[in-house]
Amino acid sequence: MDFGGFFEYLAITIAALFVIVNPLTTAFIFVSLLPGASKATIRTTAKRSTLVAGGIFVTFALLGGVIFKLFGITLEAFRIAGGLILFGIAMRMIHKARDEGEVVSGDDPHPDGKIANDISVIPLAIPFISGPGSIATVMILTSEAPTIWHVSVVFVAIALTVIACYFAMIYSHFLVKYLGETGKEIITRVFGIILAVIAVQFVINGVLEIWLAHK
């Protein structure tokens, strides 16, 4: 096995999923939804939301190929579409100022703006953690994995990301206190730049595959 290529894939996979989910932004969303909650409620909500999001990621990672065949989607088309989606998300992260209650991490807020009593599934797990961009990222990375070891890297990235989201939500009050609005904006924009680069690479890979197939 090419260990150089493997570790490159490992770095890209973890960076792509971590950046698109953005656990730090999830922490800011979490504390705004549960400003005065007890420690027990915070832990229960964080645990449930990350378990649901992790399950969604694993499902789409495993069934990505089946979905492609079912809807007649080519891998190249999905790479390009996913890259364009991620690039649009990255541009919002870089340029769009965060208004109160607005989300710039890549996944749109709850469509009707209402918060149910149990926020762990909607809007936290869906769409804040496992939204369209992050699901597309998981499916693309799994479909591009050349070996079973590379596929396992995707699941490692999923695990690390949802764990990071869990602890970010658990300690969200501390993060908000010490980072502040300025720190949050800086981190969001840095993540946006990284995501833009990854998105462009996805598009390049898709276009290159189409060109080689018709050469």
N, C-alpha and C. Protein backbone atom coordinates (compact mmCIF):
# COMPACT_ATOMS: atom_id res chain seq x y z
N MET A 1 0.84 -1.19 0.00
CA MET A 1 0.00 0.00 0.00
C MET A 1 0.88 1.24 0.00
N ASP A 2 0.47 2.25 -0.77
CA ASP A 2 1.18 3.51 -0.83
C ASP A 2 0.86 4.32 0.43
N PHE A 3 1.79 4.29 1.39
CA PHE A 3 1.53 4.95 2.66
C PHE A 3 1.47 6.47 2.50
N GLY A 4 2.25 7.01 1.55
CA GLY A 4 2.19 8.44 1.31
C GLY A 4 0.81 8.87 0.86
N GLY A 5 0.24 8.14 -0.11
CA GLY A 5 -1.10 8.44 -0.59
C GLY A 5 -2.15 8.19 0.47
N PHE A 6 -1.92 7.16 1.29
CA PHE A 6 -2.88 6.83 2.35
C PHE A 6 -2.97 7.96 3.38
N PHE A 7 -1.83 8.45 3.82
CA PHE A 7 -1.84 9.50 4.83
C PHE A 7 -2.34 10.82 4.24
N GLU A 8 -2.11 11.02 2.95
CA GLU A 8 -2.68 12.21 2.29
C GLU A 8 -4.19 12.12 2.27
N TYR A 9 -4.71 10.93 1.96
CA TYR A 9 -6.16 10.72 1.96
C TYR A 9 -6.71 10.88 3.37
N LEU A 10 -5.97 10.41 4.37
CA LEU A 10 -6.37 10.54 5.76
C LEU A 10 -6.52 12.01 6.15
N ALA A 11 -5.52 12.81 5.78
CA ALA A 11 -5.54 14.23 6.13
C ALA A 11 -6.69 14.95 5.42
N ILE A 12 -6.88 14.67 4.13
CA ILE A 12 -7.94 15.31 3.36
C ILE A 12 -9.31 14.93 3.90
N THR A 13 -9.49 13.65 4.24
CA THR A 13 -10.77 13.16 4.73
C THR A 13 -11.15 13.82 6.04
N ILE A 14 -10.24 13.81 6.99
CA ILE A 14 -10.53 14.40 8.31
C ILE A 14 -10.76 15.90 8.18
N ALA A 15 -9.91 16.57 7.39
CA ALA A 15 -10.05 18.02 7.22
C ALA A 15 -11.37 18.37 6.55
N ALA A 16 -11.74 17.63 5.50
CA ALA A 16 -12.96 17.94 4.76
C ALA A 16 -14.19 17.84 5.64
N LEU A 17 -14.32 16.74 6.36
CA LEU A 17 -15.52 16.53 7.17
C LEU A 17 -15.53 17.46 8.38
N PHE A 18 -14.37 17.63 9.01
CA PHE A 18 -14.30 18.49 10.19
C PHE A 18 -14.64 19.93 9.83
N VAL A 19 -14.14 20.40 8.69
CA VAL A 19 -14.37 21.78 8.29
C VAL A 19 -15.82 22.02 7.91
N ILE A 20 -16.42 21.11 7.17
CA ILE A 20 -17.80 21.33 6.73
C ILE A 20 -18.77 21.24 7.90
N VAL A 21 -18.52 20.35 8.86
CA VAL A 21 -19.39 20.26 10.04
C VAL A 21 -19.12 21.41 10.99
N ASN A 22 -17.84 21.75 11.19
CA ASN A 22 -17.42 22.88 12.01
C ASN A 22 -17.98 22.77 13.44
N PRO A 23 -17.39 21.92 14.27
CA PRO A 23 -17.89 21.74 15.64
C PRO A 23 -17.93 23.02 16.46
N LEU A 24 -17.04 23.96 16.19
CA LEU A 24 -17.04 25.20 16.95
C LEU A 24 -18.31 26.02 16.69
N THR A 25 -18.72 26.07 15.43
CA THR A 25 -19.95 26.77 15.11
C THR A 25 -21.15 26.04 15.70
N THR A 26 -21.09 24.71 15.70
CA THR A 26 -22.14 23.92 16.34
C THR A 26 -22.26 24.28 17.81
N ALA A 27 -21.13 24.54 18.46
CA ALA A 27 -21.15 24.93 19.87
C ALA A 27 -21.88 26.26 20.07
N PHE A 28 -21.64 27.22 19.17
CA PHE A 28 -22.32 28.51 19.29
C PHE A 28 -23.82 28.35 19.07
N ILE A 29 -24.19 27.51 18.12
CA ILE A 29 -25.61 27.25 17.87
C ILE A 29 -26.24 26.59 19.10
N PHE A 30 -25.54 25.61 19.65
CA PHE A 30 -26.03 24.84 20.78
C PHE A 30 -26.31 25.74 21.98
N VAL A 31 -25.36 26.60 22.31
CA VAL A 31 -25.53 27.45 23.50
C VAL A 31 -26.64 28.47 23.29
N SER A 32 -26.88 28.86 22.04
CA SER A 32 -27.96 29.81 21.77
C SER A 32 -29.33 29.13 21.87
N LEU A 33 -29.39 27.83 21.60
CA LEU A 33 -30.64 27.09 21.69
C LEU A 33 -30.96 26.66 23.12
N LEU A 34 -29.92 26.42 23.91
CA LEU A 34 -30.10 25.98 25.30
C LEU A 34 -29.32 26.91 26.23
N PRO A 35 -29.71 28.16 26.33
CA PRO A 35 -28.92 29.11 27.12
C PRO A 35 -28.91 28.85 28.62
N GLY A 36 -30.02 28.34 29.17
CA GLY A 36 -30.09 28.15 30.62
C GLY A 36 -30.34 26.71 31.02
N ALA A 37 -29.94 25.77 30.17
CA ALA A 37 -30.22 24.36 30.43
C ALA A 37 -29.32 23.80 31.52
N SER A 38 -29.80 22.75 32.19
CA SER A 38 -29.01 22.08 33.21
C SER A 38 -27.92 21.23 32.56
N LYS A 39 -26.93 20.81 33.35
CA LYS A 39 -25.84 19.98 32.83
C LYS A 39 -26.37 18.65 32.29
N ALA A 40 -27.37 18.09 32.97
CA ALA A 40 -27.94 16.82 32.51
C ALA A 40 -28.61 16.98 31.15
N THR A 41 -29.36 18.06 30.99
CA THR A 41 -30.03 18.32 29.70
C THR A 41 -29.02 18.55 28.60
N ILE A 42 -27.97 19.30 28.91
CA ILE A 42 -26.92 19.58 27.92
C ILE A 42 -26.26 18.28 27.46
N ARG A 43 -25.91 17.41 28.40
CA ARG A 43 -25.25 16.15 28.04
C ARG A 43 -26.18 15.23 27.25
N THR A 44 -27.42 15.14 27.68
CA THR A 44 -28.39 14.27 26.99
C THR A 44 -28.63 14.75 25.56
N THR A 45 -28.82 16.05 25.42
CA THR A 45 -29.08 16.61 24.09
C THR A 45 -27.88 16.45 23.18
N ALA A 46 -26.69 16.73 23.70
CA ALA A 46 -25.47 16.60 22.90
C ALA A 46 -25.24 15.15 22.48
N LYS A 47 -25.46 14.21 23.41
CA LYS A 47 -25.26 12.80 23.09
C LYS A 47 -26.24 12.33 22.03
N ARG A 48 -27.51 12.68 22.17
CA ARG A 48 -28.51 12.23 21.21
C ARG A 48 -28.27 12.81 19.84
N SER A 49 -27.94 14.08 19.77
CA SER A 49 -27.74 14.73 18.46
C SER A 49 -26.53 14.15 17.73
N THR A 50 -25.44 13.87 18.46
CA THR A 50 -24.26 13.33 17.79
C THR A 50 -24.46 11.87 17.37
N LEU A 51 -25.22 11.11 18.16
CA LEU A 51 -25.51 9.72 17.77
C LEU A 51 -26.37 9.68 16.51
N VAL A 52 -27.37 10.55 16.45
CA VAL A 52 -28.23 10.60 15.26
C VAL A 52 -27.43 11.04 14.04
N ALA A 53 -26.62 12.09 14.19
CA ALA A 53 -25.81 12.59 13.07
C ALA A 53 -24.81 11.53 12.61
N GLY A 54 -24.17 10.86 13.57
CA GLY A 54 -23.22 9.80 13.22
C GLY A 54 -23.90 8.67 12.46
N GLY A 55 -25.10 8.30 12.90
CA GLY A 55 -25.85 7.26 12.19
C GLY A 55 -26.18 7.65 10.77
N ILE A 56 -26.54 8.91 10.57
CA ILE A 56 -26.84 9.40 9.22
C ILE A 56 -25.60 9.35 8.34
N PHE A 57 -24.46 9.79 8.89
CA PHE A 57 -23.21 9.75 8.13
C PHE A 57 -22.85 8.33 7.71
N VAL A 58 -22.93 7.39 8.66
CA VAL A 58 -22.58 6.00 8.37
C VAL A 58 -23.51 5.41 7.32
N THR A 59 -24.80 5.73 7.43
CA THR A 59 -25.78 5.21 6.46
C THR A 59 -25.45 5.66 5.05
N PHE A 60 -25.18 6.94 4.88
CA PHE A 60 -24.88 7.46 3.55
C PHE A 60 -23.50 7.02 3.07
N ALA A 61 -22.57 6.81 4.00
CA ALA A 61 -21.26 6.31 3.60
C ALA A 61 -21.36 4.89 3.06
N LEU A 62 -22.20 4.06 3.68
CA LEU A 62 -22.36 2.67 3.27
C LEU A 62 -23.23 2.51 2.03
N LEU A 63 -24.25 3.37 1.91
CA LEU A 63 -25.23 3.20 0.83
C LEU A 63 -25.03 4.17 -0.32
N GLY A 64 -23.91 4.90 -0.30
CA GLY A 64 -23.67 5.88 -1.36
C GLY A 64 -23.68 5.26 -2.74
N GLY A 65 -23.01 4.11 -2.88
CA GLY A 65 -22.96 3.44 -4.18
C GLY A 65 -24.33 2.98 -4.65
N VAL A 66 -25.15 2.49 -3.72
CA VAL A 66 -26.51 2.04 -4.05
C VAL A 66 -27.36 3.22 -4.52
N ILE A 67 -27.21 4.35 -3.85
CA ILE A 67 -27.96 5.54 -4.23
C ILE A 67 -27.56 6.00 -5.63
N PHE A 68 -26.26 5.93 -5.94
CA PHE A 68 -25.79 6.29 -7.28
C PHE A 68 -26.49 5.44 -8.33
N LYS A 69 -26.50 4.12 -8.11
CA LYS A 69 -27.09 3.20 -9.09
C LYS A 69 -28.60 3.40 -9.18
N LEU A 70 -29.25 3.62 -8.04
CA LEU A 70 -30.70 3.75 -8.01
C LEU A 70 -31.18 4.94 -8.83
N PHE A 71 -30.47 6.04 -8.75
CA PHE A 71 -30.89 7.26 -9.44
C PHE A 71 -30.07 7.51 -10.71
N GLY A 72 -29.22 6.57 -11.09
CA GLY A 72 -28.44 6.73 -12.31
C GLY A 72 -27.44 7.86 -12.25
N ILE A 73 -26.87 8.09 -11.07
CA ILE A 73 -25.92 9.18 -10.88
C ILE A 73 -24.51 8.66 -11.10
N THR A 74 -23.72 9.38 -11.86
CA THR A 74 -22.33 8.99 -12.04
C THR A 74 -21.48 9.60 -10.92
N LEU A 75 -20.39 8.93 -10.63
CA LEU A 75 -19.50 9.41 -9.58
C LEU A 75 -18.92 10.77 -9.94
N GLU A 76 -18.59 10.95 -11.22
CA GLU A 76 -18.01 12.20 -11.65
C GLU A 76 -18.98 13.36 -11.46
N ALA A 77 -20.25 13.13 -11.83
CA ALA A 77 -21.27 14.17 -11.67
C ALA A 77 -21.46 14.53 -10.20
N PHE A 78 -21.43 13.51 -9.35
CA PHE A 78 -21.62 13.77 -7.92
C PHE A 78 -20.42 14.52 -7.34
N ARG A 79 -19.22 14.19 -7.81
CA ARG A 79 -18.04 14.92 -7.34
C ARG A 79 -18.14 16.40 -7.69
N ILE A 80 -18.52 16.67 -8.94
CA ILE A 80 -18.60 18.06 -9.37
C ILE A 80 -19.71 18.80 -8.62
N ALA A 81 -20.89 18.17 -8.53
CA ALA A 81 -22.00 18.80 -7.83
C ALA A 81 -21.67 19.03 -6.35
N GLY A 82 -21.07 18.02 -5.73
CA GLY A 82 -20.69 18.16 -4.33
C GLY A 82 -19.66 19.25 -4.13
N GLY A 83 -18.69 19.32 -5.05
CA GLY A 83 -17.68 20.36 -4.97
C GLY A 83 -18.28 21.75 -5.10
N LEU A 84 -19.25 21.91 -6.02
CA LEU A 84 -19.90 23.21 -6.19
C LEU A 84 -20.70 23.60 -4.95
N ILE A 85 -21.38 22.60 -4.35
CA ILE A 85 -22.14 22.87 -3.13
C ILE A 85 -21.20 23.33 -2.01
N LEU A 86 -20.11 22.61 -1.85
CA LEU A 86 -19.16 22.95 -0.80
C LEU A 86 -18.51 24.31 -1.04
N PHE A 87 -18.26 24.63 -2.32
CA PHE A 87 -17.65 25.91 -2.63
C PHE A 87 -18.60 27.06 -2.27
N GLY A 88 -19.88 26.87 -2.57
CA GLY A 88 -20.86 27.88 -2.20
C GLY A 88 -20.93 28.08 -0.69
N ILE A 89 -20.86 26.96 0.04
CA ILE A 89 -20.85 27.03 1.49
C ILE A 89 -19.61 27.78 1.98
N ALA A 90 -18.47 27.47 1.37
CA ALA A 90 -17.21 28.12 1.76
C ALA A 90 -17.27 29.62 1.54
N MET A 91 -17.86 30.04 0.43
CA MET A 91 -17.97 31.47 0.16
C MET A 91 -18.83 32.17 1.20
N ARG A 92 -19.91 31.52 1.63
CA ARG A 92 -20.75 32.10 2.69
C ARG A 92 -19.97 32.21 3.99
N MET A 93 -19.16 31.20 4.27
CA MET A 93 -18.37 31.22 5.50
C MET A 93 -17.35 32.36 5.48
N ILE A 94 -16.79 32.64 4.30
CA ILE A 94 -15.74 33.64 4.20
C ILE A 94 -16.31 35.06 4.16
N HIS A 95 -17.39 35.26 3.39
CA HIS A 95 -17.84 36.62 3.10
C HIS A 95 -19.06 37.07 3.89
N LYS A 96 -19.91 36.15 4.27
CA LYS A 96 -21.18 36.57 4.83
C LYS A 96 -21.06 36.85 6.31
N ALA A 97 -21.42 38.03 6.73
CA ALA A 97 -21.37 38.37 8.16
C ALA A 97 -22.44 37.57 8.89
N ARG A 98 -22.13 37.22 10.08
CA ARG A 98 -23.06 36.42 10.87
C ARG A 98 -24.03 37.33 11.62
N ASP A 99 -25.27 37.29 11.21
CA ASP A 99 -26.30 38.02 11.93
C ASP A 99 -26.75 37.18 13.12
N GLU A 100 -27.49 37.76 13.97
CA GLU A 100 -27.94 37.03 15.16
C GLU A 100 -28.85 35.89 14.74
N GLY A 101 -28.48 34.69 15.15
CA GLY A 101 -29.27 33.50 14.84
C GLY A 101 -29.00 32.94 13.47
N GLU A 102 -28.07 33.54 12.72
CA GLU A 102 -27.78 33.05 11.37
C GLU A 102 -26.68 32.03 11.44
N VAL A 103 -26.71 31.04 10.55
CA VAL A 103 -25.71 29.99 10.53
C VAL A 103 -24.86 30.15 9.31
N VAL A 104 -23.53 30.14 9.46
CA VAL A 104 -22.64 30.28 8.33
C VAL A 104 -21.73 29.07 8.20
N SER A 105 -22.02 27.99 8.89
CA SER A 105 -21.13 26.85 8.90
C SER A 105 -21.33 25.94 7.71
N GLY A 106 -22.41 26.16 6.92
CA GLY A 106 -22.56 25.35 5.75
C GLY A 106 -23.89 24.66 5.64
N ASP A 107 -24.66 24.65 6.69
CA ASP A 107 -25.95 24.01 6.66
C ASP A 107 -27.00 25.01 7.12
N ASP A 108 -28.08 25.11 6.38
CA ASP A 108 -29.08 26.11 6.65
C ASP A 108 -29.83 25.82 7.94
N PRO A 109 -30.32 26.87 8.60
CA PRO A 109 -31.06 26.66 9.83
C PRO A 109 -32.40 26.02 9.57
N HIS A 110 -33.08 25.71 10.64
CA HIS A 110 -34.41 25.11 10.54
C HIS A 110 -35.29 26.02 9.70
N PRO A 111 -35.98 25.47 8.67
CA PRO A 111 -36.66 26.29 7.67
C PRO A 111 -37.70 27.24 8.23
N ASP A 112 -38.44 26.85 9.28
CA ASP A 112 -39.48 27.72 9.77
C ASP A 112 -39.02 28.56 10.95
N GLY A 113 -37.74 28.41 11.32
CA GLY A 113 -37.19 29.23 12.38
C GLY A 113 -37.68 28.86 13.76
N LYS A 114 -38.43 27.78 13.91
CA LYS A 114 -38.96 27.39 15.20
C LYS A 114 -38.11 26.28 15.80
N ILE A 115 -38.08 26.25 17.11
CA ILE A 115 -37.30 25.26 17.82
C ILE A 115 -38.24 24.36 18.60
N ALA A 116 -38.17 23.08 18.34
CA ALA A 116 -39.02 22.14 19.05
C ALA A 116 -38.47 21.96 20.46
N ASN A 117 -39.28 21.34 21.33
CA ASN A 117 -38.84 21.10 22.70
C ASN A 117 -37.58 20.25 22.71
N ASP A 118 -37.54 19.22 21.88
CA ASP A 118 -36.35 18.39 21.77
C ASP A 118 -35.59 18.82 20.52
N ILE A 119 -34.50 19.52 20.74
CA ILE A 119 -33.75 20.06 19.60
C ILE A 119 -32.62 19.14 19.17
N SER A 120 -32.48 17.99 19.81
CA SER A 120 -31.33 17.13 19.54
C SER A 120 -31.34 16.58 18.11
N VAL A 121 -32.53 16.24 17.60
CA VAL A 121 -32.61 15.70 16.24
C VAL A 121 -32.72 16.84 15.23
N ILE A 122 -33.74 17.67 15.41
CA ILE A 122 -33.94 18.84 14.56
C ILE A 122 -34.01 20.06 15.47
N PRO A 123 -33.13 21.02 15.30
CA PRO A 123 -32.23 21.23 14.16
C PRO A 123 -30.77 20.82 14.39
N LEU A 124 -30.41 20.25 15.54
CA LEU A 124 -28.99 19.99 15.80
C LEU A 124 -28.41 18.90 14.91
N ALA A 125 -28.95 17.67 15.03
CA ALA A 125 -28.43 16.56 14.21
C ALA A 125 -28.67 16.82 12.73
N ILE A 126 -29.90 17.29 12.43
CA ILE A 126 -30.29 17.62 11.06
C ILE A 126 -30.91 19.02 11.11
N PRO A 127 -30.38 20.01 10.43
CA PRO A 127 -29.28 19.93 9.47
C PRO A 127 -27.95 20.50 9.96
N PHE A 128 -27.85 20.91 11.23
CA PHE A 128 -26.64 21.61 11.66
C PHE A 128 -25.39 20.73 11.59
N ILE A 129 -25.47 19.47 12.04
CA ILE A 129 -24.30 18.59 12.00
C ILE A 129 -24.27 17.80 10.70
N SER A 130 -25.32 17.05 10.43
CA SER A 130 -25.37 16.24 9.20
C SER A 130 -26.32 16.90 8.21
N GLY A 131 -25.82 17.90 7.54
CA GLY A 131 -26.60 18.60 6.53
C GLY A 131 -26.22 18.16 5.13
N PRO A 132 -26.78 18.80 4.11
CA PRO A 132 -26.50 18.40 2.72
C PRO A 132 -25.01 18.40 2.37
N GLY A 133 -24.31 19.44 2.81
CA GLY A 133 -22.89 19.53 2.47
C GLY A 133 -22.06 18.44 3.10
N SER A 134 -22.30 18.16 4.38
CA SER A 134 -21.52 17.13 5.07
C SER A 134 -21.86 15.74 4.58
N ILE A 135 -23.14 15.49 4.27
CA ILE A 135 -23.54 14.19 3.73
C ILE A 135 -22.90 13.97 2.36
N ALA A 136 -22.92 15.02 1.52
CA ALA A 136 -22.28 14.92 0.20
C ALA A 136 -20.80 14.65 0.35
N THR A 137 -20.16 15.28 1.32
CA THR A 137 -18.73 15.06 1.55
C THR A 137 -18.45 13.62 1.92
N VAL A 138 -19.24 13.05 2.81
CA VAL A 138 -19.07 11.65 3.22
C VAL A 138 -19.22 10.71 2.03
N MET A 139 -20.24 10.95 1.22
CA MET A 139 -20.49 10.08 0.08
C MET A 139 -19.37 10.17 -0.95
N ILE A 140 -18.88 11.38 -1.20
CA ILE A 140 -17.79 11.55 -2.17
C ILE A 140 -16.53 10.87 -1.68
N LEU A 141 -16.18 11.09 -0.42
CA LEU A 141 -14.96 10.50 0.13
C LEU A 141 -15.02 8.98 0.12
N THR A 142 -16.16 8.42 0.45
CA THR A 142 -16.30 6.96 0.44
C THR A 142 -16.19 6.41 -0.99
N SER A 143 -16.83 7.10 -1.93
CA SER A 143 -16.80 6.63 -3.32
C SER A 143 -15.41 6.74 -3.92
N GLU A 144 -14.59 7.67 -3.42
CA GLU A 144 -13.23 7.84 -3.95
C GLU A 144 -12.23 6.91 -3.27
N ALA A 145 -12.62 6.24 -2.22
CA ALA A 145 -11.70 5.39 -1.47
C ALA A 145 -11.27 4.19 -2.31
N PRO A 146 -9.96 4.04 -2.57
CA PRO A 146 -9.50 2.95 -3.44
C PRO A 146 -9.44 1.58 -2.75
N THR A 147 -9.31 1.56 -1.42
CA THR A 147 -9.20 0.29 -0.70
C THR A 147 -10.09 0.33 0.53
N ILE A 148 -10.25 -0.83 1.16
CA ILE A 148 -11.05 -0.92 2.38
C ILE A 148 -10.41 -0.10 3.50
N TRP A 149 -9.09 0.02 3.46
CA TRP A 149 -8.40 0.83 4.48
C TRP A 149 -8.75 2.30 4.33
N HIS A 150 -8.88 2.74 3.10
CA HIS A 150 -9.27 4.13 2.87
C HIS A 150 -10.73 4.36 3.30
N VAL A 151 -11.58 3.36 3.08
CA VAL A 151 -12.97 3.46 3.54
C VAL A 151 -13.01 3.59 5.06
N SER A 152 -12.17 2.80 5.73
CA SER A 152 -12.13 2.86 7.20
C SER A 152 -11.73 4.24 7.68
N VAL A 153 -10.90 4.94 6.90
CA VAL A 153 -10.50 6.30 7.25
C VAL A 153 -11.71 7.23 7.30
N VAL A 154 -12.64 7.03 6.38
CA VAL A 154 -13.85 7.86 6.36
C VAL A 154 -14.63 7.68 7.66
N PHE A 155 -14.74 6.43 8.12
CA PHE A 155 -15.47 6.18 9.36
C PHE A 155 -14.72 6.73 10.57
N VAL A 156 -13.40 6.70 10.51
CA VAL A 156 -12.60 7.32 11.57
C VAL A 156 -12.87 8.83 11.60
N ALA A 157 -12.91 9.44 10.42
CA ALA A 157 -13.18 10.87 10.32
C ALA A 157 -14.58 11.20 10.86
N ILE A 158 -15.55 10.34 10.54
CA ILE A 158 -16.91 10.54 11.06
C ILE A 158 -16.91 10.49 12.59
N ALA A 159 -16.24 9.47 13.13
CA ALA A 159 -16.18 9.32 14.59
C ALA A 159 -15.52 10.53 15.25
N LEU A 160 -14.38 10.96 14.71
CA LEU A 160 -13.66 12.09 15.29
C LEU A 160 -14.50 13.36 15.22
N THR A 161 -15.20 13.54 14.13
CA THR A 161 -15.99 14.76 13.95
C THR A 161 -17.17 14.82 14.91
N VAL A 162 -17.92 13.70 15.03
CA VAL A 162 -19.08 13.73 15.92
C VAL A 162 -18.64 13.80 17.39
N ILE A 163 -17.50 13.19 17.71
CA ILE A 163 -16.97 13.31 19.07
C ILE A 163 -16.58 14.76 19.36
N ALA A 164 -15.95 15.40 18.37
CA ALA A 164 -15.59 16.81 18.53
C ALA A 164 -16.84 17.67 18.72
N CYS A 165 -17.90 17.35 17.97
CA CYS A 165 -19.16 18.08 18.12
C CYS A 165 -19.74 17.89 19.52
N TYR A 166 -19.66 16.66 20.02
CA TYR A 166 -20.18 16.36 21.35
C TYR A 166 -19.49 17.21 22.42
N PHE A 167 -18.17 17.20 22.41
CA PHE A 167 -17.44 17.95 23.43
C PHE A 167 -17.56 19.46 23.21
N ALA A 168 -17.68 19.88 21.95
CA ALA A 168 -17.89 21.31 21.68
C ALA A 168 -19.22 21.77 22.27
N MET A 169 -20.25 20.92 22.18
CA MET A 169 -21.54 21.28 22.76
C MET A 169 -21.51 21.21 24.29
N ILE A 170 -20.82 20.21 24.82
CA ILE A 170 -20.72 20.08 26.28
C ILE A 170 -20.05 21.31 26.89
N TYR A 171 -19.01 21.78 26.24
CA TYR A 171 -18.25 22.92 26.76
C TYR A 171 -18.54 24.20 25.98
N SER A 172 -19.72 24.26 25.38
CA SER A 172 -20.07 25.40 24.53
C SER A 172 -20.04 26.72 25.28
N HIS A 173 -20.48 26.72 26.54
CA HIS A 173 -20.50 27.97 27.30
C HIS A 173 -19.08 28.53 27.49
N PHE A 174 -18.13 27.62 27.71
CA PHE A 174 -16.74 28.06 27.87
C PHE A 174 -16.17 28.59 26.55
N LEU A 175 -16.51 27.90 25.44
CA LEU A 175 -16.02 28.33 24.13
C LEU A 175 -16.55 29.71 23.78
N VAL A 176 -17.83 29.94 24.05
CA VAL A 176 -18.44 31.23 23.76
C VAL A 176 -17.79 32.32 24.61
N LYS A 177 -17.51 31.98 25.84
CA LYS A 177 -16.94 32.97 26.77
C LYS A 177 -15.53 33.38 26.35
N TYR A 178 -14.69 32.41 25.97
CA TYR A 178 -13.28 32.71 25.72
C TYR A 178 -12.98 33.09 24.27
N LEU A 179 -13.76 32.55 23.33
CA LEU A 179 -13.52 32.91 21.94
C LEU A 179 -14.14 34.26 21.58
N GLY A 180 -15.37 34.45 22.01
CA GLY A 180 -16.06 35.68 21.69
C GLY A 180 -16.44 35.77 20.23
N GLU A 181 -17.07 36.86 19.85
CA GLU A 181 -17.52 37.03 18.48
C GLU A 181 -16.34 37.13 17.50
N THR A 182 -15.28 37.83 17.91
CA THR A 182 -14.13 37.99 17.01
C THR A 182 -13.46 36.66 16.73
N GLY A 183 -13.22 35.88 17.77
CA GLY A 183 -12.61 34.57 17.60
C GLY A 183 -13.45 33.65 16.75
N LYS A 184 -14.75 33.71 16.96
CA LYS A 184 -15.67 32.88 16.18
C LYS A 184 -15.61 33.24 14.70
N GLU A 185 -15.58 34.55 14.40
CA GLU A 185 -15.54 34.99 13.01
C GLU A 185 -14.24 34.59 12.34
N ILE A 186 -13.13 34.72 13.05
CA ILE A 186 -11.83 34.34 12.49
C ILE A 186 -11.80 32.86 12.15
N ILE A 187 -12.24 32.02 13.10
CA ILE A 187 -12.22 30.58 12.88
C ILE A 187 -13.13 30.19 11.72
N THR A 188 -14.30 30.81 11.65
CA THR A 188 -15.25 30.50 10.57
C THR A 188 -14.65 30.82 9.21
N ARG A 189 -13.96 31.95 9.10
CA ARG A 189 -13.39 32.34 7.82
C ARG A 189 -12.19 31.48 7.44
N VAL A 190 -11.38 31.10 8.41
CA VAL A 190 -10.26 30.20 8.13
C VAL A 190 -10.79 28.86 7.64
N PHE A 191 -11.81 28.33 8.33
CA PHE A 191 -12.42 27.08 7.90
C PHE A 191 -13.01 27.22 6.50
N GLY A 192 -13.55 28.41 6.18
CA GLY A 192 -14.12 28.63 4.86
C GLY A 192 -13.08 28.55 3.76
N ILE A 193 -11.90 29.10 4.01
CA ILE A 193 -10.81 29.04 3.03
C ILE A 193 -10.38 27.60 2.79
N ILE A 194 -10.22 26.84 3.87
CA ILE A 194 -9.83 25.43 3.74
C ILE A 194 -10.89 24.66 2.96
N LEU A 195 -12.15 24.90 3.28
CA LEU A 195 -13.23 24.20 2.59
C LEU A 195 -13.27 24.56 1.11
N ALA A 196 -13.00 25.81 0.77
CA ALA A 196 -13.00 26.23 -0.63
C ALA A 196 -11.96 25.47 -1.43
N VAL A 197 -10.78 25.28 -0.85
CA VAL A 197 -9.71 24.54 -1.52
C VAL A 197 -10.13 23.08 -1.74
N ILE A 198 -10.71 22.46 -0.72
CA ILE A 198 -11.16 21.08 -0.84
C ILE A 198 -12.25 20.97 -1.89
N ALA A 199 -13.17 21.94 -1.92
CA ALA A 199 -14.26 21.91 -2.90
C ALA A 199 -13.73 22.00 -4.33
N VAL A 200 -12.78 22.89 -4.55
CA VAL A 200 -12.18 23.03 -5.89
C VAL A 200 -11.52 21.73 -6.31
N GLN A 201 -10.86 21.05 -5.37
CA GLN A 201 -10.21 19.78 -5.69
C GLN A 201 -11.24 18.72 -6.08
N PHE A 202 -12.39 18.70 -5.40
CA PHE A 202 -13.46 17.78 -5.77
C PHE A 202 -13.90 18.01 -7.22
N VAL A 203 -14.08 19.27 -7.60
CA VAL A 203 -14.51 19.60 -8.96
C VAL A 203 -13.44 19.20 -9.97
N ILE A 204 -12.19 19.48 -9.66
CA ILE A 204 -11.09 19.11 -10.55
C ILE A 204 -11.06 17.60 -10.76
N ASN A 205 -11.22 16.84 -9.68
CA ASN A 205 -11.22 15.37 -9.79
C ASN A 205 -12.34 14.89 -10.70
N GLY A 206 -13.54 15.48 -10.54
CA GLY A 206 -14.67 15.06 -11.37
C GLY A 206 -14.46 15.39 -12.84
N VAL A 207 -14.01 16.60 -13.14
CA VAL A 207 -13.77 17.01 -14.52
C VAL A 207 -12.66 16.17 -15.15
N LEU A 208 -11.61 15.91 -14.37
CA LEU A 208 -10.49 15.11 -14.89
C LEU A 208 -10.93 13.70 -15.23
N GLU A 209 -11.78 13.10 -14.39
CA GLU A 209 -12.27 11.76 -14.66
C GLU A 209 -13.12 11.73 -15.94
N ILE A 210 -13.94 12.73 -16.14
CA ILE A 210 -14.75 12.80 -17.36
C ILE A 210 -13.88 12.96 -18.59
N TRP A 211 -12.87 13.81 -18.48
CA TRP A 211 -11.96 14.04 -19.61
C TRP A 211 -11.18 12.78 -19.96
N LEU A 212 -10.70 12.06 -18.95
CA LEU A 212 -9.95 10.82 -19.21
C LEU A 212 -10.84 9.74 -19.78
N ALA A 213 -12.11 9.71 -19.35
CA ALA A 213 -13.04 8.69 -19.84
C ALA A 213 -13.38 8.89 -21.31
N HIS A 214 -13.37 10.14 -21.79
CA HIS A 214 -13.73 10.44 -23.16
C HIS A 214 -12.52 10.77 -24.03
N LYS A 215 -11.34 10.54 -23.49
CA LYS A 215 -10.13 10.88 -24.25
C LYS A 215 -9.92 9.87 -25.38
